[in-house]
């Protein structure tokens, strides 16, 4: 029997709801504000079939370019051959959420600003750039009876 190439083919695990997340969609989902320029993650919610994105976009991250009362337009980069194509996808808000991909960067900006202000009050200079982790320094491990041992395999014996 030939397999199907349908719109939701091979999405059994992709669109399933999480543990204890079955049932109707929470109302807090509809109270989240989206603005043009926000970075969002696309994760289809199978409780709402209307406005559901194609399975290709599930798990992708994009930028909001249009906001309507019940949906948003998202720009997603898609790899086609040897290039990226900018795809514009209209998705209902049940299937998107704000991305946390920039949160670490924004936290670092706030930390750096606070450190800069504190250093300026003291009249010092502070290093704000990230420094890669350096290799550990060399050390000698010495214990008593640390002589080399010769290892030999044990002979195979049968006990029949």
Protein backbone atom coordinates (compact mmCIF):
# COMPACT_ATOMS: atom_id res chain seq x y z
CA UNK A 1 0.00 0.00 0.00
CA UNK A 2 1.56 3.34 -0.99
CA UNK A 3 2.15 5.83 1.77
CA UNK A 4 0.52 9.23 1.77
CA UNK A 5 2.14 12.58 1.10
CA UNK A 6 -0.73 14.51 2.67
CA UNK A 7 -0.70 17.82 4.48
CA UNK A 8 -0.34 16.14 7.90
CA UNK A 9 1.53 13.01 6.85
CA UNK A 10 4.05 11.68 9.41
CA UNK A 11 3.04 14.12 12.13
CA UNK A 12 1.84 11.68 14.82
CA UNK A 13 4.51 12.71 17.33
CA UNK A 14 5.01 16.22 16.00
CA UNK A 15 1.49 17.50 16.68
CA UNK A 16 0.71 15.53 19.83
CA UNK A 17 -0.02 17.50 23.00
CA UNK A 18 2.29 17.27 25.99
CA UNK A 19 1.67 15.37 29.21
CA UNK A 20 -1.32 16.87 31.06
CA UNK A 21 -1.74 19.48 28.34
CA UNK A 22 -4.72 17.93 26.56
CA UNK A 23 -8.10 19.56 26.28
CA UNK A 24 -9.17 23.08 25.42
CA UNK A 25 -6.65 25.86 24.92
CA UNK A 26 -5.97 28.10 27.93
CA UNK A 27 -7.42 31.59 27.74
CA UNK A 28 -4.06 33.13 28.64
CA UNK A 29 -2.92 32.13 25.15
CA UNK A 30 -5.28 34.72 23.67
CA UNK A 31 -4.17 37.51 26.05
CA UNK A 32 -0.55 37.63 24.86
CA UNK A 33 0.28 40.73 22.81
CA UNK A 34 2.34 40.39 19.65
CA UNK A 35 3.94 43.36 17.94
CA UNK A 36 5.62 43.77 14.58
CA UNK A 37 9.28 42.82 14.94
CA UNK A 38 8.77 40.28 17.75
CA UNK A 39 10.68 37.02 17.43
CA UNK A 40 8.31 34.04 17.77
CA UNK A 41 8.60 30.25 17.78
CA UNK A 42 6.09 28.30 15.73
CA UNK A 43 4.68 25.28 17.54
CA UNK A 44 1.41 23.94 16.18
CA UNK A 45 -1.33 23.26 18.73
CA UNK A 46 -3.41 20.34 17.51
CA UNK A 47 -6.44 21.39 19.57
CA UNK A 48 -7.05 24.15 17.03
CA UNK A 49 -6.92 23.06 13.40
CA UNK A 50 -7.80 26.48 11.95
CA UNK A 51 -4.81 28.61 11.05
CA UNK A 52 -2.41 25.75 11.69
CA UNK A 53 0.94 26.08 9.91
CA UNK A 54 2.32 23.44 7.58
CA UNK A 55 4.37 20.75 9.29
CA UNK A 56 7.59 22.20 7.79
CA UNK A 57 7.27 25.33 9.94
CA UNK A 58 6.72 23.43 13.21
CA UNK A 59 9.65 24.29 15.48
CA UNK A 60 10.89 27.19 13.33
CA UNK A 61 11.59 30.71 14.53
CA UNK A 62 10.49 33.80 12.66
CA UNK A 63 9.79 37.52 12.93
CA UNK A 64 6.28 39.01 13.10
CA UNK A 65 5.56 41.34 10.18
CA UNK A 66 1.77 41.67 10.41
CA UNK A 67 -0.76 41.52 13.27
CA UNK A 68 -4.50 40.90 12.85
CA UNK A 69 -7.14 40.34 15.55
CA UNK A 70 -6.80 36.55 15.58
CA UNK A 71 -3.58 35.81 13.71
CA UNK A 72 -0.12 37.13 12.92
CA UNK A 73 2.05 37.09 9.83
CA UNK A 74 5.49 35.57 10.38
CA UNK A 75 8.57 35.74 8.17
CA UNK A 76 10.50 32.45 8.18
CA UNK A 77 13.67 31.64 6.23
CA UNK A 78 13.41 28.39 4.29
CA UNK A 79 16.35 26.57 2.72
CA UNK A 80 15.60 25.79 -0.93
CA UNK A 81 18.51 24.32 -2.82
CA UNK A 82 21.53 26.52 -2.16
CA UNK A 83 19.70 29.64 -0.97
CA UNK A 84 17.35 30.99 1.68
CA UNK A 85 13.86 32.05 0.66
CA UNK A 86 11.89 34.39 2.88
CA UNK A 87 8.48 32.80 3.42
CA UNK A 88 5.56 34.81 4.81
CA UNK A 89 3.19 32.59 6.78
CA UNK A 90 -0.10 33.62 8.38
CA UNK A 91 -0.64 31.71 11.62
CA UNK A 92 -3.25 31.91 14.35
CA UNK A 93 -1.91 32.90 17.76
CA UNK A 94 -2.64 29.46 19.26
CA UNK A 95 0.28 28.11 17.24
CA UNK A 96 2.97 30.64 18.18
CA UNK A 97 4.73 31.86 21.32
CA UNK A 98 7.38 34.44 22.09
CA UNK A 99 10.88 33.07 21.50
CA UNK A 100 13.44 32.96 24.29
CA UNK A 101 16.37 32.91 21.88
CA UNK A 102 17.33 36.54 22.64
CA UNK A 103 16.73 36.40 26.40
CA UNK A 104 20.34 35.53 27.24
CA UNK A 105 21.56 38.41 25.08
CA UNK A 106 19.14 40.90 26.67
CA UNK A 107 20.15 39.75 30.17
CA UNK A 108 23.81 40.21 29.26
CA UNK A 109 23.11 43.72 27.96
CA UNK A 110 21.48 44.67 31.28
CA UNK A 111 24.34 43.13 33.31
CA UNK A 112 26.94 44.94 31.23
CA UNK A 113 25.11 48.26 31.58
CA UNK A 114 24.87 47.88 35.37
CA UNK A 115 28.56 46.94 35.59
CA UNK A 116 29.50 49.89 33.38
CA UNK A 117 27.52 52.36 35.51
CA UNK A 118 29.02 50.97 38.74
CA UNK A 119 32.57 51.15 37.32
CA UNK A 120 32.05 54.70 36.09
CA UNK A 121 31.00 55.83 39.58
CA UNK A 122 34.22 54.35 41.00
CA UNK A 123 36.33 55.74 38.16
CA UNK A 124 37.51 52.31 36.98
CA UNK A 125 37.49 50.45 33.70
CA UNK A 126 35.66 47.15 33.51
CA UNK A 127 36.01 44.31 31.00
CA UNK A 128 32.56 43.71 29.45
CA UNK A 129 33.53 41.40 26.61
CA UNK A 130 33.00 37.69 26.96
CA UNK A 131 36.22 35.75 27.43
CA UNK A 132 36.42 32.15 26.24
CA UNK A 133 37.19 29.52 28.85
CA UNK A 134 40.94 28.96 28.95
CA UNK A 135 42.53 25.51 29.22
CA UNK A 136 43.13 24.28 32.75
CA UNK A 137 46.64 24.72 34.04
CA UNK A 138 48.99 21.72 34.21
CA UNK A 139 49.39 19.79 37.44
CA UNK A 140 51.05 16.60 38.66
CA UNK A 141 49.00 14.06 40.54
CA UNK A 142 51.17 12.21 43.00
CA UNK A 143 50.10 9.56 45.47
CA UNK A 144 51.85 6.78 47.31
CA UNK A 145 52.48 3.56 45.36
CA UNK A 146 51.87 5.23 42.05
CA UNK A 147 54.02 2.83 40.07
CA UNK A 148 53.00 1.59 36.63
CA UNK A 149 51.15 -1.72 36.55
CA UNK A 150 51.23 -4.28 33.78
CA UNK A 151 47.79 -5.44 32.69
CA UNK A 152 47.34 -8.84 31.06
CA UNK A 153 44.14 -10.51 29.91
CA UNK A 154 42.74 -13.41 31.92
CA UNK A 155 42.92 -16.80 30.20
CA UNK A 156 39.62 -18.16 28.97
CA UNK A 157 38.59 -21.26 30.87
CA UNK A 158 35.59 -23.48 30.49
CA UNK A 159 34.03 -25.21 33.46
CA UNK A 160 32.25 -28.11 31.81
